[in-house]
Every structure is written in C-alpha cells, then in structure tokens.
C-alpha cells in the first residue's frame, strides 16, 4: 500500500507543474491544460486525505463535479476566444471591448 504522504507529494508536484505551465506559457490550450493538471493535483490530494477526514462519498463526488465544471468552463472560454478572435494566444485578449 502506498503511504498517503507519497500521494500528497505527488499531488503537490502536479499542482506545481501546472502552476509553472500556467504562469510561463501563453497559448490558450497550454493554459487550459495546465489548469486541468493543477485541478488533478488538488483532486489527488483530496482523494488521498479523504480516508482520514470526515469527507463523505457524496461530498467527494460534488467536489469532483465542481472541478470538472471549472475545467469545462475554461475550455469553453478558450473556444470563444478562438471563434471570435481567430487566435488562442492569451496575450492578444487584453482588449476584450474591440
């Protein structure tokens, strides 16, 4: 059996890799994928610590659904950028009025 500390460290590393990708890259697809990697790290830590906490299975499913909804919202925003601006570079979307 894998100790919970090792799983928490893996989740933390996933979160850090996603954060670095989110801060250093500009293409929108990479930003969305980095955000999903961060959310997966959070979900991994949540699952690893669920055995020691009073988190029920229903609450875990609700948290999972919220994380999936946030990821899909980011993908929908990226699709809207691409559809109206014909680009997915995040730097080019600083002028939302035009």
C-alpha atoms as a PDB file:
ATOM      1  CA  UNK A   1       0.000   0.000   0.000  1.00  0.00           C
ATOM      2  CA  UNK A   2       1.280   3.451  -0.906  1.00  0.00           C
ATOM      3  CA  UNK A   3       1.561   5.819   2.065  1.00  0.00           C
ATOM      4  CA  UNK A   4      -0.707   8.866   1.940  1.00  0.00           C
ATOM      5  CA  UNK A   5       2.306  11.171   2.284  1.00  0.00           C
ATOM      6  CA  UNK A   6       3.690   9.966  -1.049  1.00  0.00           C
ATOM      7  CA  UNK A   7       0.368  10.582  -2.789  1.00  0.00           C
ATOM      8  CA  UNK A   8       0.137  14.070  -1.269  1.00  0.00           C
ATOM      9  CA  UNK A   9       3.663  14.847  -2.505  1.00  0.00           C
ATOM     10  CA  UNK A  10       2.724  13.636  -5.990  1.00  0.00           C
ATOM     11  CA  UNK A  11      -0.387  15.841  -5.937  1.00  0.00           C
ATOM     12  CA  UNK A  12       1.726  18.800  -4.823  1.00  0.00           C
ATOM     13  CA  UNK A  13       4.182  18.184  -7.663  1.00  0.00           C
ATOM     14  CA  UNK A  14       1.302  18.048 -10.137  1.00  0.00           C
ATOM     15  CA  UNK A  15      -0.011  21.333  -8.794  1.00  0.00           C
ATOM     16  CA  UNK A  16       3.430  22.976  -9.066  1.00  0.00           C
ATOM     17  CA  UNK A  17       3.957  21.735 -12.642  1.00  0.00           C
ATOM     18  CA  UNK A  18       0.523  23.058 -13.613  1.00  0.00           C
ATOM     19  CA  UNK A  19       1.216  26.398 -11.936  1.00  0.00           C
ATOM     20  CA  UNK A  20       4.540  26.772 -13.751  1.00  0.00           C
ATOM     21  CA  UNK A  21       2.858  25.952 -17.057  1.00  0.00           C
ATOM     22  CA  UNK A  22       0.093  28.419 -16.289  1.00  0.00           C
ATOM     23  CA  UNK A  23       2.492  31.243 -15.486  1.00  0.00           C
ATOM     24  CA  UNK A  24       5.113  30.710 -18.185  1.00  0.00           C
ATOM     25  CA  UNK A  25       3.160  29.759 -21.301  1.00  0.00           C
ATOM     26  CA  UNK A  26       0.879  31.958 -23.407  1.00  0.00           C
ATOM     27  CA  UNK A  27      -1.027  29.678 -25.832  1.00  0.00           C
ATOM     28  CA  UNK A  28      -4.548  29.230 -24.532  1.00  0.00           C
ATOM     29  CA  UNK A  29      -4.559  25.465 -24.932  1.00  0.00           C
ATOM     30  CA  UNK A  30      -1.473  25.141 -22.749  1.00  0.00           C
ATOM     31  CA  UNK A  31      -3.050  27.425 -20.152  1.00  0.00           C
ATOM     32  CA  UNK A  32      -6.203  25.289 -20.012  1.00  0.00           C
ATOM     33  CA  UNK A  33      -4.220  22.037 -19.840  1.00  0.00           C
ATOM     34  CA  UNK A  34      -2.041  23.487 -17.081  1.00  0.00           C
ATOM     35  CA  UNK A  35      -5.142  24.462 -15.130  1.00  0.00           C
ATOM     36  CA  UNK A  36      -6.503  20.932 -15.532  1.00  0.00           C
ATOM     37  CA  UNK A  37      -3.196  19.481 -14.275  1.00  0.00           C
ATOM     38  CA  UNK A  38      -3.437  21.758 -11.240  1.00  0.00           C
ATOM     39  CA  UNK A  39      -7.011  20.644 -10.594  1.00  0.00           C
ATOM     40  CA  UNK A  40      -5.965  16.995 -10.917  1.00  0.00           C
ATOM     41  CA  UNK A  41      -3.282  17.554  -8.294  1.00  0.00           C
ATOM     42  CA  UNK A  42      -5.851  19.057  -5.946  1.00  0.00           C
ATOM     43  CA  UNK A  43      -8.212  16.155  -6.582  1.00  0.00           C
ATOM     44  CA  UNK A  44      -5.408  13.641  -5.928  1.00  0.00           C
ATOM     45  CA  UNK A  45      -4.624  15.264  -2.582  1.00  0.00           C
ATOM     46  CA  UNK A  46      -8.325  15.332  -1.744  1.00  0.00           C
ATOM     47  CA  UNK A  47      -8.670  11.631  -2.505  1.00  0.00           C
ATOM     48  CA  UNK A  48      -5.524  10.768  -0.546  1.00  0.00           C
ATOM     49  CA  UNK A  49      -6.681  12.600   2.549  1.00  0.00           C
ATOM     50  CA  UNK A  50     -10.353  11.571   2.327  1.00  0.00           C
ATOM     51  CA  UNK A  51      -9.705   8.451   4.388  1.00  0.00           C
ATOM     52  CA  UNK A  52      -8.516  10.441   7.389  1.00  0.00           C
ATOM     53  CA  UNK A  53     -11.145  13.170   7.149  1.00  0.00           C
ATOM     54  CA  UNK A  54     -14.891  13.143   7.596  1.00  0.00           C
ATOM     55  CA  UNK A  55     -15.463  13.718   3.871  1.00  0.00           C
ATOM     56  CA  UNK A  56     -18.291  11.511   2.672  1.00  0.00           C
ATOM     57  CA  UNK A  57     -18.510   9.946  -0.763  1.00  0.00           C
ATOM     58  CA  UNK A  58     -21.296  12.300  -1.822  1.00  0.00           C
ATOM     59  CA  UNK A  59     -19.226  15.354  -0.911  1.00  0.00           C
ATOM     60  CA  UNK A  60     -16.307  13.916  -2.875  1.00  0.00           C
ATOM     61  CA  UNK A  61     -18.477  13.488  -5.955  1.00  0.00           C
ATOM     62  CA  UNK A  62     -19.703  17.081  -5.603  1.00  0.00           C
ATOM     63  CA  UNK A  63     -16.111  18.355  -5.415  1.00  0.00           C
ATOM     64  CA  UNK A  64     -15.204  16.258  -8.465  1.00  0.00           C
ATOM     65  CA  UNK A  65     -18.167  17.676 -10.379  1.00  0.00           C
ATOM     66  CA  UNK A  66     -17.124  21.237  -9.483  1.00  0.00           C
ATOM     67  CA  UNK A  67     -13.561  20.607 -10.654  1.00  0.00           C
ATOM     68  CA  UNK A  68     -14.811  19.174 -13.950  1.00  0.00           C
ATOM     69  CA  UNK A  69     -17.167  22.153 -14.361  1.00  0.00           C
ATOM     70  CA  UNK A  70     -14.304  24.606 -13.843  1.00  0.00           C
ATOM     71  CA  UNK A  71     -12.171  22.779 -16.415  1.00  0.00           C
ATOM     72  CA  UNK A  72     -15.001  22.741 -18.953  1.00  0.00           C
ATOM     73  CA  UNK A  73     -15.654  26.435 -18.346  1.00  0.00           C
ATOM     74  CA  UNK A  74     -12.024  27.204 -19.156  1.00  0.00           C
ATOM     75  CA  UNK A  75     -12.264  25.163 -22.345  1.00  0.00           C
ATOM     76  CA  UNK A  76     -15.476  26.978 -23.326  1.00  0.00           C
ATOM     77  CA  UNK A  77     -13.848  30.378 -22.788  1.00  0.00           C
ATOM     78  CA  UNK A  78     -10.889  29.283 -24.907  1.00  0.00           C
ATOM     79  CA  UNK A  79     -13.270  28.138 -27.650  1.00  0.00           C
ATOM     80  CA  UNK A  80     -14.999  31.526 -27.565  1.00  0.00           C
ATOM     81  CA  UNK A  81     -11.645  33.310 -27.885  1.00  0.00           C
ATOM     82  CA  UNK A  82     -10.736  31.183 -30.869  1.00  0.00           C
ATOM     83  CA  UNK A  83     -14.108  31.615 -32.529  1.00  0.00           C
ATOM     84  CA  UNK A  84     -14.261  35.418 -32.321  1.00  0.00           C
ATOM     85  CA  UNK A  85     -10.575  36.369 -32.406  1.00  0.00           C
ATOM     86  CA  UNK A  86      -9.180  33.508 -34.538  1.00  0.00           C
ATOM     87  CA  UNK A  87      -6.344  33.034 -32.071  1.00  0.00           C
ATOM     88  CA  UNK A  88      -5.793  31.315 -28.759  1.00  0.00           C
ATOM     89  CA  UNK A  89      -2.860  33.400 -27.524  1.00  0.00           C
ATOM     90  CA  UNK A  90      -3.726  34.777 -24.114  1.00  0.00           C
ATOM     91  CA  UNK A  91      -1.696  37.968 -24.603  1.00  0.00           C
ATOM     92  CA  UNK A  92      -3.888  39.044 -27.523  1.00  0.00           C
ATOM     93  CA  UNK A  93      -7.068  39.034 -25.458  1.00  0.00           C
ATOM     94  CA  UNK A  94      -6.272  42.031 -23.288  1.00  0.00           C
ATOM     95  CA  UNK A  95      -8.652  44.225 -25.245  1.00  0.00           C
ATOM     96  CA  UNK A  96     -11.997  42.487 -24.817  1.00  0.00           C
ATOM     97  CA  UNK A  97     -14.049  45.506 -25.986  1.00  0.00           C
ATOM     98  CA  UNK A  98     -12.739  45.578 -29.562  1.00  0.00           C
END
